[in-house]
Amino acid sequence: GELSPATLRQLRDRLLVGLQSTDEAGFLAPFSALVLSEVARVDRVQPYLDDDERQALLMAATNYLRDVRDYRGFINGDGWRHGVAHGADVLLQLALNPALGREAASPILDAIASQVAPSSVAYHFGEEGRLARVVVVVASRGWLEADGWQAWFERLADPAPMASWNEAFRSEASLNRLHNLRAFLLAVHVRVSDSENAAVQSLLPGLKSAINAIP
């Protein structure tokens, strides 16, 4: 590549600092994540990180996505922020990286699950698709068996603290959760329903159960 490993490491370090930014304008953290996804892609294509560095990058990326609370996407006059989508992009590159093994599945899927169905916003900037892409790649790696996917989707579809999803129609926050969950599940389904990959097909029973569990 055109950038040396030393330069890539310096860039990574600056971007990891940017991930922790709390600037009120809200641009630095999500765009640090977006550029970091490219830095992670380089390591996937032409490895330059050692195992410890790669694990540290995975931890930083999952922590960032879990901690996103600024859900602004595109705003006229401002442009994009899109923190959830950009956080998912970093995890996509890490999930694709052959140097990472099945131990990466749990932190990646936990981070994805944490942002599937927030109650404070109804996603409408394609966030569900960016999250879904990561899940499909994790499935393609064969890191989880069907029962693991069943358990993961059951957790997503759990309406708690509501007794059932029928109660969602009583509040805006609960409707946001329902909207976001439905959009995510359907986004995953679109991407896997025609797959001939046996590892990908292993998530279908759990996915279909989750879709059937919501109104």
N, C-alpha and C. Protein backbone atom coordinates (compact mmCIF):
# COMPACT_ATOMS: atom_id res chain seq x y z
N GLY A 1 0.81 -1.20 0.00
CA GLY A 1 0.00 0.00 0.00
C GLY A 1 0.85 1.25 0.00
N GLU A 2 0.21 2.38 -0.17
CA GLU A 2 0.92 3.65 -0.22
C GLU A 2 1.29 4.15 1.16
N LEU A 3 0.60 3.71 2.20
CA LEU A 3 0.91 4.12 3.56
C LEU A 3 1.67 3.00 4.27
N SER A 4 2.71 3.38 4.97
CA SER A 4 3.51 2.40 5.70
C SER A 4 2.75 1.92 6.93
N PRO A 5 3.11 0.75 7.47
CA PRO A 5 2.48 0.29 8.71
C PRO A 5 2.61 1.31 9.84
N ALA A 6 3.75 1.99 9.91
CA ALA A 6 3.93 2.99 10.97
C ALA A 6 2.94 4.13 10.81
N THR A 7 2.73 4.57 9.57
CA THR A 7 1.78 5.65 9.31
C THR A 7 0.35 5.20 9.62
N LEU A 8 0.03 3.98 9.23
CA LEU A 8 -1.31 3.44 9.51
C LEU A 8 -1.56 3.34 11.00
N ARG A 9 -0.54 2.96 11.75
CA ARG A 9 -0.70 2.89 13.20
C ARG A 9 -0.91 4.27 13.80
N GLN A 10 -0.19 5.25 13.31
CA GLN A 10 -0.37 6.62 13.80
C GLN A 10 -1.78 7.11 13.50
N LEU A 11 -2.25 6.81 12.29
CA LEU A 11 -3.61 7.20 11.91
C LEU A 11 -4.63 6.50 12.79
N ARG A 12 -4.43 5.20 13.01
CA ARG A 12 -5.32 4.45 13.89
C ARG A 12 -5.40 5.08 15.27
N ASP A 13 -4.24 5.43 15.82
CA ASP A 13 -4.21 6.00 17.17
C ASP A 13 -4.97 7.31 17.25
N ARG A 14 -4.84 8.15 16.24
CA ARG A 14 -5.56 9.43 16.23
C ARG A 14 -7.06 9.20 16.08
N LEU A 15 -7.42 8.22 15.28
CA LEU A 15 -8.84 7.93 15.08
C LEU A 15 -9.47 7.34 16.34
N LEU A 16 -8.72 6.52 17.06
CA LEU A 16 -9.24 5.96 18.31
C LEU A 16 -9.50 7.05 19.33
N VAL A 17 -8.67 8.07 19.34
CA VAL A 17 -8.93 9.23 20.21
C VAL A 17 -10.19 9.94 19.74
N GLY A 18 -10.33 10.09 18.42
CA GLY A 18 -11.51 10.75 17.87
C GLY A 18 -12.80 10.03 18.20
N LEU A 19 -12.75 8.71 18.31
CA LEU A 19 -13.96 7.94 18.66
C LEU A 19 -14.53 8.37 20.00
N GLN A 20 -13.69 8.87 20.88
CA GLN A 20 -14.12 9.22 22.22
C GLN A 20 -14.52 10.69 22.35
N SER A 21 -14.55 11.39 21.22
CA SER A 21 -14.88 12.81 21.24
C SER A 21 -16.32 13.03 21.70
N THR A 22 -16.51 14.06 22.47
CA THR A 22 -17.85 14.45 22.91
C THR A 22 -18.20 15.86 22.43
N ASP A 23 -17.59 16.27 21.30
CA ASP A 23 -17.87 17.62 20.81
C ASP A 23 -19.35 17.78 20.51
N GLU A 24 -19.88 18.93 20.84
CA GLU A 24 -21.32 19.16 20.73
C GLU A 24 -21.81 19.05 19.29
N ALA A 25 -20.97 19.46 18.34
CA ALA A 25 -21.38 19.39 16.94
C ALA A 25 -21.60 17.95 16.49
N GLY A 26 -20.85 17.03 17.08
CA GLY A 26 -21.12 15.62 16.84
C GLY A 26 -20.58 15.03 15.57
N PHE A 27 -19.57 15.67 14.97
CA PHE A 27 -19.02 15.15 13.72
C PHE A 27 -17.77 14.29 13.91
N LEU A 28 -16.94 14.64 14.89
CA LEU A 28 -15.62 14.01 14.99
C LEU A 28 -15.70 12.51 15.24
N ALA A 29 -16.52 12.09 16.18
CA ALA A 29 -16.57 10.66 16.51
C ALA A 29 -17.08 9.81 15.35
N PRO A 30 -18.22 10.14 14.72
CA PRO A 30 -18.70 9.27 13.64
C PRO A 30 -17.78 9.24 12.43
N PHE A 31 -17.12 10.37 12.14
CA PHE A 31 -16.23 10.36 10.99
C PHE A 31 -14.88 9.75 11.31
N SER A 32 -14.51 9.76 12.58
CA SER A 32 -13.35 8.96 12.99
C SER A 32 -13.66 7.48 12.76
N ALA A 33 -14.88 7.07 13.09
CA ALA A 33 -15.28 5.68 12.87
C ALA A 33 -15.28 5.34 11.38
N LEU A 34 -15.76 6.25 10.55
CA LEU A 34 -15.82 5.98 9.12
C LEU A 34 -14.42 5.77 8.54
N VAL A 35 -13.49 6.65 8.90
CA VAL A 35 -12.12 6.50 8.40
C VAL A 35 -11.47 5.26 9.02
N LEU A 36 -11.79 4.99 10.28
CA LEU A 36 -11.23 3.81 10.93
C LEU A 36 -11.66 2.52 10.22
N SER A 37 -12.84 2.53 9.63
CA SER A 37 -13.27 1.34 8.88
C SER A 37 -12.33 1.07 7.71
N GLU A 38 -11.80 2.13 7.10
CA GLU A 38 -10.84 1.96 6.01
C GLU A 38 -9.49 1.49 6.53
N VAL A 39 -9.09 1.99 7.69
CA VAL A 39 -7.86 1.53 8.31
C VAL A 39 -7.97 0.04 8.66
N ALA A 40 -9.14 -0.36 9.14
CA ALA A 40 -9.38 -1.78 9.44
C ALA A 40 -9.42 -2.61 8.17
N ARG A 41 -9.93 -2.04 7.09
CA ARG A 41 -9.97 -2.76 5.81
C ARG A 41 -8.57 -3.06 5.31
N VAL A 42 -7.66 -2.09 5.46
CA VAL A 42 -6.28 -2.32 5.03
C VAL A 42 -5.69 -3.51 5.77
N ASP A 43 -5.94 -3.61 7.07
CA ASP A 43 -5.41 -4.74 7.83
C ASP A 43 -6.03 -6.05 7.36
N ARG A 44 -7.27 -6.00 6.93
CA ARG A 44 -7.92 -7.21 6.40
C ARG A 44 -7.26 -7.66 5.11
N VAL A 45 -6.93 -6.71 4.24
CA VAL A 45 -6.40 -7.03 2.92
C VAL A 45 -4.89 -7.28 2.97
N GLN A 46 -4.19 -6.47 3.75
CA GLN A 46 -2.73 -6.56 3.86
C GLN A 46 -2.36 -6.37 5.33
N PRO A 47 -2.37 -7.43 6.11
CA PRO A 47 -2.23 -7.31 7.57
C PRO A 47 -0.99 -6.55 8.00
N TYR A 48 -1.19 -5.66 8.96
CA TYR A 48 -0.07 -4.93 9.55
C TYR A 48 -0.19 -4.87 11.07
N LEU A 49 -1.33 -5.25 11.62
CA LEU A 49 -1.52 -5.27 13.06
C LEU A 49 -1.15 -6.64 13.62
N ASP A 50 -0.64 -6.64 14.86
CA ASP A 50 -0.45 -7.93 15.52
C ASP A 50 -1.75 -8.31 16.23
N ASP A 51 -1.78 -9.50 16.80
CA ASP A 51 -3.02 -10.00 17.39
C ASP A 51 -3.54 -9.09 18.50
N ASP A 52 -2.65 -8.60 19.35
CA ASP A 52 -3.07 -7.74 20.45
C ASP A 52 -3.64 -6.43 19.94
N GLU A 53 -3.01 -5.86 18.90
CA GLU A 53 -3.50 -4.61 18.33
C GLU A 53 -4.87 -4.81 17.69
N ARG A 54 -5.04 -5.94 17.04
CA ARG A 54 -6.32 -6.21 16.38
C ARG A 54 -7.43 -6.41 17.42
N GLN A 55 -7.11 -7.07 18.51
CA GLN A 55 -8.09 -7.24 19.58
C GLN A 55 -8.44 -5.90 20.22
N ALA A 56 -7.44 -5.04 20.36
CA ALA A 56 -7.69 -3.71 20.93
C ALA A 56 -8.59 -2.90 20.01
N LEU A 57 -8.38 -3.04 18.70
CA LEU A 57 -9.23 -2.34 17.73
C LEU A 57 -10.66 -2.87 17.81
N LEU A 58 -10.80 -4.17 17.94
CA LEU A 58 -12.13 -4.76 18.08
C LEU A 58 -12.83 -4.22 19.32
N MET A 59 -12.11 -4.15 20.43
CA MET A 59 -12.71 -3.66 21.68
C MET A 59 -13.12 -2.20 21.54
N ALA A 60 -12.25 -1.39 20.93
CA ALA A 60 -12.57 0.03 20.77
C ALA A 60 -13.78 0.22 19.86
N ALA A 61 -13.85 -0.57 18.79
CA ALA A 61 -14.95 -0.44 17.84
C ALA A 61 -16.28 -0.87 18.45
N THR A 62 -16.26 -1.97 19.20
CA THR A 62 -17.50 -2.42 19.83
C THR A 62 -17.94 -1.45 20.93
N ASN A 63 -16.98 -0.94 21.69
CA ASN A 63 -17.33 0.04 22.72
C ASN A 63 -17.93 1.29 22.10
N TYR A 64 -17.36 1.74 20.98
CA TYR A 64 -17.89 2.94 20.33
C TYR A 64 -19.34 2.73 19.91
N LEU A 65 -19.61 1.63 19.22
CA LEU A 65 -20.97 1.42 18.73
C LEU A 65 -21.96 1.32 19.89
N ARG A 66 -21.60 0.59 20.92
CA ARG A 66 -22.50 0.46 22.07
C ARG A 66 -22.80 1.80 22.72
N ASP A 67 -21.82 2.71 22.69
CA ASP A 67 -21.95 3.97 23.41
C ASP A 67 -22.61 5.09 22.59
N VAL A 68 -22.88 4.85 21.31
CA VAL A 68 -23.50 5.91 20.50
C VAL A 68 -24.86 6.29 21.07
N ARG A 69 -25.03 7.58 21.31
CA ARG A 69 -26.32 8.10 21.75
C ARG A 69 -26.77 9.28 20.89
N ASP A 70 -25.90 9.72 20.01
CA ASP A 70 -26.25 10.78 19.06
C ASP A 70 -26.72 10.10 17.78
N TYR A 71 -28.02 10.10 17.56
CA TYR A 71 -28.59 9.37 16.45
C TYR A 71 -28.88 10.26 15.24
N ARG A 72 -28.30 11.43 15.21
CA ARG A 72 -28.48 12.29 14.05
C ARG A 72 -27.87 11.64 12.81
N GLY A 73 -28.64 11.64 11.72
CA GLY A 73 -28.13 11.10 10.46
C GLY A 73 -27.76 12.24 9.54
N PHE A 74 -28.66 12.57 8.61
CA PHE A 74 -28.43 13.70 7.71
C PHE A 74 -29.32 14.86 8.12
N ILE A 75 -28.74 16.04 8.19
CA ILE A 75 -29.47 17.26 8.51
C ILE A 75 -29.15 18.30 7.46
N ASN A 76 -30.18 18.88 6.86
CA ASN A 76 -29.96 19.92 5.86
C ASN A 76 -29.09 21.04 6.44
N GLY A 77 -28.09 21.42 5.70
CA GLY A 77 -27.20 22.48 6.15
C GLY A 77 -26.01 21.98 6.94
N ASP A 78 -26.17 20.81 7.57
CA ASP A 78 -25.08 20.20 8.34
C ASP A 78 -24.41 19.08 7.57
N GLY A 79 -25.22 18.24 6.95
CA GLY A 79 -24.70 17.03 6.32
C GLY A 79 -24.86 15.83 7.24
N TRP A 80 -23.96 14.87 7.06
CA TRP A 80 -24.07 13.60 7.76
C TRP A 80 -23.32 13.58 9.08
N ARG A 81 -23.87 12.78 10.01
CA ARG A 81 -23.16 12.32 11.19
C ARG A 81 -23.15 10.78 11.16
N HIS A 82 -24.32 10.16 11.40
CA HIS A 82 -24.52 8.73 11.10
C HIS A 82 -23.62 7.81 11.93
N GLY A 83 -23.58 8.07 13.24
CA GLY A 83 -22.68 7.32 14.10
C GLY A 83 -22.92 5.83 14.12
N VAL A 84 -24.17 5.40 14.17
CA VAL A 84 -24.46 3.97 14.21
C VAL A 84 -23.99 3.28 12.93
N ALA A 85 -24.29 3.87 11.80
CA ALA A 85 -23.89 3.27 10.52
C ALA A 85 -22.37 3.19 10.40
N HIS A 86 -21.69 4.26 10.79
CA HIS A 86 -20.23 4.26 10.67
C HIS A 86 -19.60 3.28 11.66
N GLY A 87 -20.19 3.17 12.85
CA GLY A 87 -19.70 2.17 13.80
C GLY A 87 -19.87 0.76 13.26
N ALA A 88 -21.00 0.52 12.60
CA ALA A 88 -21.23 -0.80 11.99
C ALA A 88 -20.22 -1.07 10.88
N ASP A 89 -19.82 -0.02 10.17
CA ASP A 89 -18.86 -0.21 9.08
C ASP A 89 -17.51 -0.72 9.59
N VAL A 90 -17.09 -0.23 10.76
CA VAL A 90 -15.84 -0.74 11.34
C VAL A 90 -15.99 -2.21 11.68
N LEU A 91 -17.10 -2.57 12.29
CA LEU A 91 -17.32 -3.96 12.67
C LEU A 91 -17.44 -4.86 11.44
N LEU A 92 -17.95 -4.33 10.35
CA LEU A 92 -18.03 -5.12 9.12
C LEU A 92 -16.64 -5.54 8.68
N GLN A 93 -15.71 -4.59 8.67
CA GLN A 93 -14.35 -4.92 8.24
C GLN A 93 -13.68 -5.90 9.19
N LEU A 94 -13.94 -5.76 10.47
CA LEU A 94 -13.36 -6.69 11.44
C LEU A 94 -13.97 -8.08 11.30
N ALA A 95 -15.26 -8.15 11.07
CA ALA A 95 -15.92 -9.45 10.90
C ALA A 95 -15.41 -10.17 9.65
N LEU A 96 -15.02 -9.41 8.65
CA LEU A 96 -14.49 -9.98 7.41
C LEU A 96 -13.03 -10.41 7.54
N ASN A 97 -12.35 -9.96 8.57
CA ASN A 97 -10.91 -10.17 8.68
C ASN A 97 -10.60 -11.63 9.03
N PRO A 98 -9.88 -12.34 8.17
CA PRO A 98 -9.60 -13.76 8.44
C PRO A 98 -8.70 -13.98 9.64
N ALA A 99 -8.05 -12.91 10.12
CA ALA A 99 -7.18 -13.05 11.29
C ALA A 99 -7.97 -13.12 12.59
N LEU A 100 -9.25 -12.78 12.54
CA LEU A 100 -10.10 -12.88 13.72
C LEU A 100 -10.90 -14.18 13.66
N GLY A 101 -11.05 -14.81 14.81
CA GLY A 101 -11.77 -16.07 14.88
C GLY A 101 -13.10 -15.94 15.58
N ARG A 102 -13.70 -17.07 15.90
CA ARG A 102 -15.07 -17.08 16.42
C ARG A 102 -15.21 -16.36 17.75
N GLU A 103 -14.09 -16.14 18.46
CA GLU A 103 -14.19 -15.40 19.72
C GLU A 103 -14.62 -13.95 19.48
N ALA A 104 -14.51 -13.49 18.24
CA ALA A 104 -14.95 -12.13 17.91
C ALA A 104 -16.46 -12.02 17.79
N ALA A 105 -17.14 -13.15 17.63
CA ALA A 105 -18.58 -13.11 17.38
C ALA A 105 -19.34 -12.45 18.53
N SER A 106 -19.02 -12.82 19.75
CA SER A 106 -19.78 -12.32 20.90
C SER A 106 -19.70 -10.81 21.05
N PRO A 107 -18.49 -10.21 21.07
CA PRO A 107 -18.46 -8.75 21.20
C PRO A 107 -19.09 -8.03 20.02
N ILE A 108 -18.92 -8.56 18.82
CA ILE A 108 -19.52 -7.92 17.65
C ILE A 108 -21.04 -7.97 17.73
N LEU A 109 -21.58 -9.14 18.00
CA LEU A 109 -23.04 -9.28 18.04
C LEU A 109 -23.66 -8.55 19.22
N ASP A 110 -22.94 -8.49 20.34
CA ASP A 110 -23.44 -7.72 21.48
C ASP A 110 -23.54 -6.25 21.13
N ALA A 111 -22.53 -5.74 20.43
CA ALA A 111 -22.55 -4.33 20.03
C ALA A 111 -23.67 -4.05 19.04
N ILE A 112 -23.83 -4.94 18.07
CA ILE A 112 -24.93 -4.78 17.11
C ILE A 112 -26.27 -4.78 17.82
N ALA A 113 -26.47 -5.75 18.71
CA ALA A 113 -27.75 -5.87 19.42
C ALA A 113 -28.07 -4.62 20.22
N SER A 114 -27.05 -3.97 20.74
CA SER A 114 -27.27 -2.79 21.58
C SER A 114 -27.86 -1.62 20.80
N GLN A 115 -27.72 -1.64 19.46
CA GLN A 115 -28.21 -0.53 18.65
C GLN A 115 -29.29 -0.93 17.66
N VAL A 116 -29.77 -2.15 17.75
CA VAL A 116 -30.82 -2.59 16.82
C VAL A 116 -32.12 -1.81 17.03
N ALA A 117 -32.51 -1.60 18.27
CA ALA A 117 -33.85 -1.05 18.53
C ALA A 117 -33.85 0.00 19.63
N PRO A 118 -33.18 1.13 19.41
CA PRO A 118 -33.26 2.20 20.41
C PRO A 118 -34.67 2.74 20.51
N SER A 119 -35.01 3.24 21.67
CA SER A 119 -36.37 3.77 21.88
C SER A 119 -36.46 5.27 21.65
N SER A 120 -35.31 5.94 21.54
CA SER A 120 -35.32 7.40 21.46
C SER A 120 -35.42 7.92 20.04
N VAL A 121 -35.35 7.04 19.04
CA VAL A 121 -35.36 7.48 17.65
C VAL A 121 -35.94 6.36 16.78
N ALA A 122 -36.60 6.75 15.71
CA ALA A 122 -37.01 5.79 14.68
C ALA A 122 -36.02 5.93 13.53
N TYR A 123 -35.23 4.90 13.30
CA TYR A 123 -34.23 4.97 12.25
C TYR A 123 -34.87 5.26 10.89
N HIS A 124 -34.25 6.17 10.14
CA HIS A 124 -34.74 6.40 8.78
C HIS A 124 -33.62 6.83 7.84
N PHE A 125 -32.38 6.51 8.23
CA PHE A 125 -31.25 6.81 7.36
C PHE A 125 -30.48 5.53 6.99
N GLY A 126 -31.17 4.40 6.98
CA GLY A 126 -30.55 3.16 6.55
C GLY A 126 -29.70 2.45 7.58
N GLU A 127 -29.83 2.87 8.84
CA GLU A 127 -29.01 2.25 9.88
C GLU A 127 -29.23 0.74 9.97
N GLU A 128 -30.50 0.32 9.81
CA GLU A 128 -30.79 -1.11 9.95
C GLU A 128 -30.04 -1.95 8.93
N GLY A 129 -29.87 -1.41 7.72
CA GLY A 129 -29.15 -2.14 6.69
C GLY A 129 -27.67 -2.28 7.00
N ARG A 130 -27.09 -1.22 7.55
CA ARG A 130 -25.66 -1.27 7.88
C ARG A 130 -25.41 -2.26 9.02
N LEU A 131 -26.32 -2.29 9.99
CA LEU A 131 -26.20 -3.27 11.07
C LEU A 131 -26.41 -4.69 10.55
N ALA A 132 -27.38 -4.85 9.66
CA ALA A 132 -27.69 -6.17 9.13
C ALA A 132 -26.52 -6.76 8.36
N ARG A 133 -25.79 -5.92 7.63
CA ARG A 133 -24.65 -6.43 6.85
C ARG A 133 -23.64 -7.14 7.75
N VAL A 134 -23.42 -6.57 8.92
CA VAL A 134 -22.46 -7.17 9.84
C VAL A 134 -22.93 -8.55 10.29
N VAL A 135 -24.21 -8.66 10.61
CA VAL A 135 -24.76 -9.94 11.05
C VAL A 135 -24.61 -11.00 9.97
N VAL A 136 -24.86 -10.63 8.73
CA VAL A 136 -24.75 -11.59 7.63
C VAL A 136 -23.30 -12.07 7.48
N VAL A 137 -22.35 -11.16 7.62
CA VAL A 137 -20.94 -11.56 7.53
C VAL A 137 -20.56 -12.47 8.68
N VAL A 138 -21.00 -12.14 9.89
CA VAL A 138 -20.72 -13.02 11.04
C VAL A 138 -21.30 -14.41 10.77
N ALA A 139 -22.50 -14.46 10.23
CA ALA A 139 -23.10 -15.76 9.90
C ALA A 139 -22.27 -16.50 8.86
N SER A 140 -21.79 -15.79 7.87
CA SER A 140 -21.03 -16.43 6.80
C SER A 140 -19.72 -17.02 7.29
N ARG A 141 -19.20 -16.50 8.41
CA ARG A 141 -17.96 -17.03 8.97
C ARG A 141 -18.18 -18.35 9.70
N GLY A 142 -19.43 -18.72 9.95
CA GLY A 142 -19.71 -19.97 10.63
C GLY A 142 -19.36 -19.96 12.10
N TRP A 143 -19.36 -18.79 12.69
CA TRP A 143 -18.97 -18.66 14.09
C TRP A 143 -20.06 -19.12 15.05
N LEU A 144 -21.32 -19.11 14.62
CA LEU A 144 -22.43 -19.55 15.47
C LEU A 144 -23.18 -20.69 14.79
N GLU A 145 -23.65 -21.62 15.61
CA GLU A 145 -24.55 -22.67 15.12
C GLU A 145 -25.98 -22.14 15.20
N ALA A 146 -26.91 -22.94 14.70
CA ALA A 146 -28.31 -22.52 14.66
C ALA A 146 -28.85 -22.18 16.04
N ASP A 147 -28.46 -22.95 17.06
CA ASP A 147 -28.99 -22.67 18.40
C ASP A 147 -28.44 -21.37 18.96
N GLY A 148 -27.22 -21.03 18.58
CA GLY A 148 -26.66 -19.74 18.99
C GLY A 148 -27.42 -18.59 18.37
N TRP A 149 -27.75 -18.72 17.10
CA TRP A 149 -28.54 -17.68 16.44
C TRP A 149 -29.95 -17.60 17.02
N GLN A 150 -30.52 -18.76 17.33
CA GLN A 150 -31.86 -18.77 17.92
C GLN A 150 -31.87 -17.96 19.21
N ALA A 151 -30.87 -18.19 20.05
CA ALA A 151 -30.79 -17.47 21.33
C ALA A 151 -30.57 -15.98 21.11
N TRP A 152 -29.74 -15.63 20.13
CA TRP A 152 -29.47 -14.21 19.88
C TRP A 152 -30.72 -13.49 19.41
N PHE A 153 -31.43 -14.08 18.47
CA PHE A 153 -32.65 -13.44 17.97
C PHE A 153 -33.75 -13.42 19.02
N GLU A 154 -33.80 -14.42 19.88
CA GLU A 154 -34.78 -14.40 20.97
C GLU A 154 -34.55 -13.21 21.89
N ARG A 155 -33.29 -12.92 22.17
CA ARG A 155 -32.98 -11.76 23.02
C ARG A 155 -33.42 -10.47 22.34
N LEU A 156 -33.18 -10.38 21.03
CA LEU A 156 -33.60 -9.18 20.31
C LEU A 156 -35.11 -9.00 20.36
N ALA A 157 -35.83 -10.09 20.24
CA ALA A 157 -37.30 -10.02 20.14
C ALA A 157 -37.99 -9.99 21.49
N ASP A 158 -37.23 -9.99 22.56
CA ASP A 158 -37.82 -9.93 23.90
C ASP A 158 -38.42 -8.54 24.13
N PRO A 159 -39.72 -8.42 24.39
CA PRO A 159 -40.34 -7.10 24.53
C PRO A 159 -40.11 -6.43 25.88
N ALA A 160 -39.49 -7.12 26.82
CA ALA A 160 -39.29 -6.57 28.17
C ALA A 160 -38.72 -5.15 28.10
N PRO A 161 -39.20 -4.26 28.96
CA PRO A 161 -40.03 -4.49 30.14
C PRO A 161 -41.53 -4.62 29.85
N MET A 162 -41.92 -4.54 28.58
CA MET A 162 -43.32 -4.78 28.25
C MET A 162 -43.63 -6.27 28.38
N ALA A 163 -44.87 -6.59 28.68
CA ALA A 163 -45.28 -7.99 28.76
C ALA A 163 -45.37 -8.60 27.37
N SER A 164 -45.73 -7.80 26.38
CA SER A 164 -45.79 -8.26 24.99
C SER A 164 -45.63 -7.06 24.07
N TRP A 165 -45.33 -7.34 22.81
CA TRP A 165 -45.16 -6.26 21.85
C TRP A 165 -46.46 -5.52 21.57
N ASN A 166 -47.59 -6.09 21.90
CA ASN A 166 -48.86 -5.39 21.71
C ASN A 166 -48.94 -4.12 22.54
N GLU A 167 -48.16 -4.08 23.63
CA GLU A 167 -48.14 -2.87 24.45
C GLU A 167 -47.36 -1.73 23.80
N ALA A 168 -46.63 -2.04 22.73
CA ALA A 168 -45.81 -1.01 22.08
C ALA A 168 -46.65 0.13 21.52
N PHE A 169 -47.90 -0.14 21.24
CA PHE A 169 -48.75 0.87 20.62
C PHE A 169 -49.26 1.91 21.61
N ARG A 170 -48.74 1.88 22.82
CA ARG A 170 -49.18 2.82 23.85
C ARG A 170 -48.19 3.96 24.07
N SER A 171 -47.02 3.91 23.43
CA SER A 171 -46.05 4.99 23.63
C SER A 171 -45.16 5.15 22.41
N GLU A 172 -44.69 6.37 22.20
CA GLU A 172 -43.80 6.64 21.07
C GLU A 172 -42.49 5.88 21.22
N ALA A 173 -41.95 5.84 22.43
CA ALA A 173 -40.67 5.16 22.64
C ALA A 173 -40.78 3.68 22.28
N SER A 174 -41.86 3.05 22.69
CA SER A 174 -42.03 1.63 22.40
C SER A 174 -42.28 1.40 20.91
N LEU A 175 -42.98 2.31 20.28
CA LEU A 175 -43.18 2.21 18.83
C LEU A 175 -41.87 2.36 18.09
N ASN A 176 -40.99 3.23 18.58
CA ASN A 176 -39.66 3.34 17.98
C ASN A 176 -38.92 2.01 18.06
N ARG A 177 -38.96 1.40 19.23
CA ARG A 177 -38.31 0.09 19.39
C ARG A 177 -38.86 -0.92 18.38
N LEU A 178 -40.18 -0.98 18.29
CA LEU A 178 -40.81 -1.95 17.41
C LEU A 178 -40.45 -1.67 15.95
N HIS A 179 -40.53 -0.42 15.56
CA HIS A 179 -40.19 -0.03 14.19
C HIS A 179 -38.76 -0.43 13.86
N ASN A 180 -37.83 -0.11 14.75
CA ASN A 180 -36.42 -0.37 14.49
C ASN A 180 -36.12 -1.86 14.45
N LEU A 181 -36.73 -2.60 15.37
CA LEU A 181 -36.51 -4.05 15.38
C LEU A 181 -37.05 -4.69 14.11
N ARG A 182 -38.27 -4.31 13.72
CA ARG A 182 -38.86 -4.89 12.51
C ARG A 182 -38.00 -4.58 11.29
N ALA A 183 -37.57 -3.33 11.17
CA ALA A 183 -36.76 -2.93 10.01
C ALA A 183 -35.46 -3.73 9.96
N PHE A 184 -34.84 -3.93 11.12
CA PHE A 184 -33.59 -4.69 11.16
C PHE A 184 -33.81 -6.15 10.76
N LEU A 185 -34.81 -6.78 11.34
CA LEU A 185 -35.07 -8.19 11.04
C LEU A 185 -35.36 -8.39 9.56
N LEU A 186 -36.14 -7.49 8.99
CA LEU A 186 -36.45 -7.61 7.56
C LEU A 186 -35.22 -7.34 6.70
N ALA A 187 -34.35 -6.43 7.16
CA ALA A 187 -33.12 -6.15 6.42
C ALA A 187 -32.21 -7.38 6.41
N VAL A 188 -32.14 -8.08 7.53
CA VAL A 188 -31.36 -9.32 7.56
C VAL A 188 -32.00 -10.36 6.64
N HIS A 189 -33.32 -10.47 6.72
CA HIS A 189 -34.02 -11.48 5.92
C HIS A 189 -33.81 -11.28 4.43
N VAL A 190 -33.87 -10.05 3.99
CA VAL A 190 -33.65 -9.76 2.56
C VAL A 190 -32.27 -10.25 2.12
N ARG A 191 -31.30 -10.11 3.00
CA ARG A 191 -29.92 -10.44 2.64
C ARG A 191 -29.60 -11.92 2.72
N VAL A 192 -30.41 -12.70 3.42
CA VAL A 192 -30.06 -14.11 3.62
C VAL A 192 -31.07 -15.09 3.04
N SER A 193 -32.25 -14.64 2.68
CA SER A 193 -33.33 -15.57 2.33
C SER A 193 -32.98 -16.45 1.13
N ASP A 194 -32.20 -15.93 0.20
CA ASP A 194 -31.86 -16.70 -0.99
C ASP A 194 -30.43 -17.24 -0.95
N SER A 195 -29.78 -17.12 0.19
CA SER A 195 -28.39 -17.57 0.29
C SER A 195 -28.30 -19.09 0.22
N GLU A 196 -27.29 -19.57 -0.49
CA GLU A 196 -27.02 -21.00 -0.55
C GLU A 196 -25.89 -21.39 0.40
N ASN A 197 -25.39 -20.43 1.16
CA ASN A 197 -24.33 -20.68 2.13
C ASN A 197 -24.94 -21.34 3.36
N ALA A 198 -24.49 -22.54 3.68
CA ALA A 198 -25.08 -23.29 4.80
C ALA A 198 -24.90 -22.56 6.12
N ALA A 199 -23.76 -21.89 6.29
CA ALA A 199 -23.53 -21.16 7.54
C ALA A 199 -24.51 -20.00 7.68
N VAL A 200 -24.77 -19.32 6.57
CA VAL A 200 -25.74 -18.22 6.59
C VAL A 200 -27.14 -18.76 6.85
N GLN A 201 -27.48 -19.87 6.23
CA GLN A 201 -28.81 -20.44 6.41
C GLN A 201 -29.08 -20.83 7.86
N SER A 202 -28.02 -21.04 8.64
CA SER A 202 -28.22 -21.47 10.02
C SER A 202 -28.90 -20.42 10.88
N LEU A 203 -28.88 -19.17 10.44
CA LEU A 203 -29.56 -18.14 11.24
C LEU A 203 -31.04 -18.01 10.90
N LEU A 204 -31.47 -18.63 9.80
CA LEU A 204 -32.84 -18.43 9.33
C LEU A 204 -33.91 -18.87 10.33
N PRO A 205 -33.80 -20.02 10.98
CA PRO A 205 -34.86 -20.39 11.93
C PRO A 205 -35.04 -19.36 13.05
N GLY A 206 -33.93 -18.91 13.63
CA GLY A 206 -34.03 -17.90 14.68
C GLY A 206 -34.56 -16.58 14.18
N LEU A 207 -34.13 -16.21 12.97
CA LEU A 207 -34.60 -14.96 12.37
C LEU A 207 -36.11 -15.02 12.12
N LYS A 208 -36.58 -16.11 11.54
CA LYS A 208 -38.01 -16.22 11.25
C LYS A 208 -38.84 -16.23 12.52
N SER A 209 -38.33 -16.87 13.56
CA SER A 209 -39.05 -16.87 14.84
C SER A 209 -39.19 -15.46 15.39
N ALA A 210 -38.12 -14.68 15.26
CA ALA A 210 -38.16 -13.30 15.75
C ALA A 210 -39.14 -12.46 14.95
N ILE A 211 -39.14 -12.64 13.63
CA ILE A 211 -40.08 -11.89 12.79
C ILE A 211 -41.51 -12.24 13.17
N ASN A 212 -41.77 -13.51 13.42
CA ASN A 212 -43.12 -13.94 13.78
C ASN A 212 -43.53 -13.50 15.18
N ALA A 213 -42.55 -13.11 16.00
CA ALA A 213 -42.85 -12.74 17.38
C ALA A 213 -43.32 -11.30 17.53
N ILE A 214 -43.18 -10.50 16.46
CA ILE A 214 -43.56 -9.09 16.56
C ILE A 214 -44.79 -8.82 15.70
N PRO A 215 -45.62 -7.86 16.13
CA PRO A 215 -46.84 -7.57 15.37
C PRO A 215 -46.54 -6.82 14.09
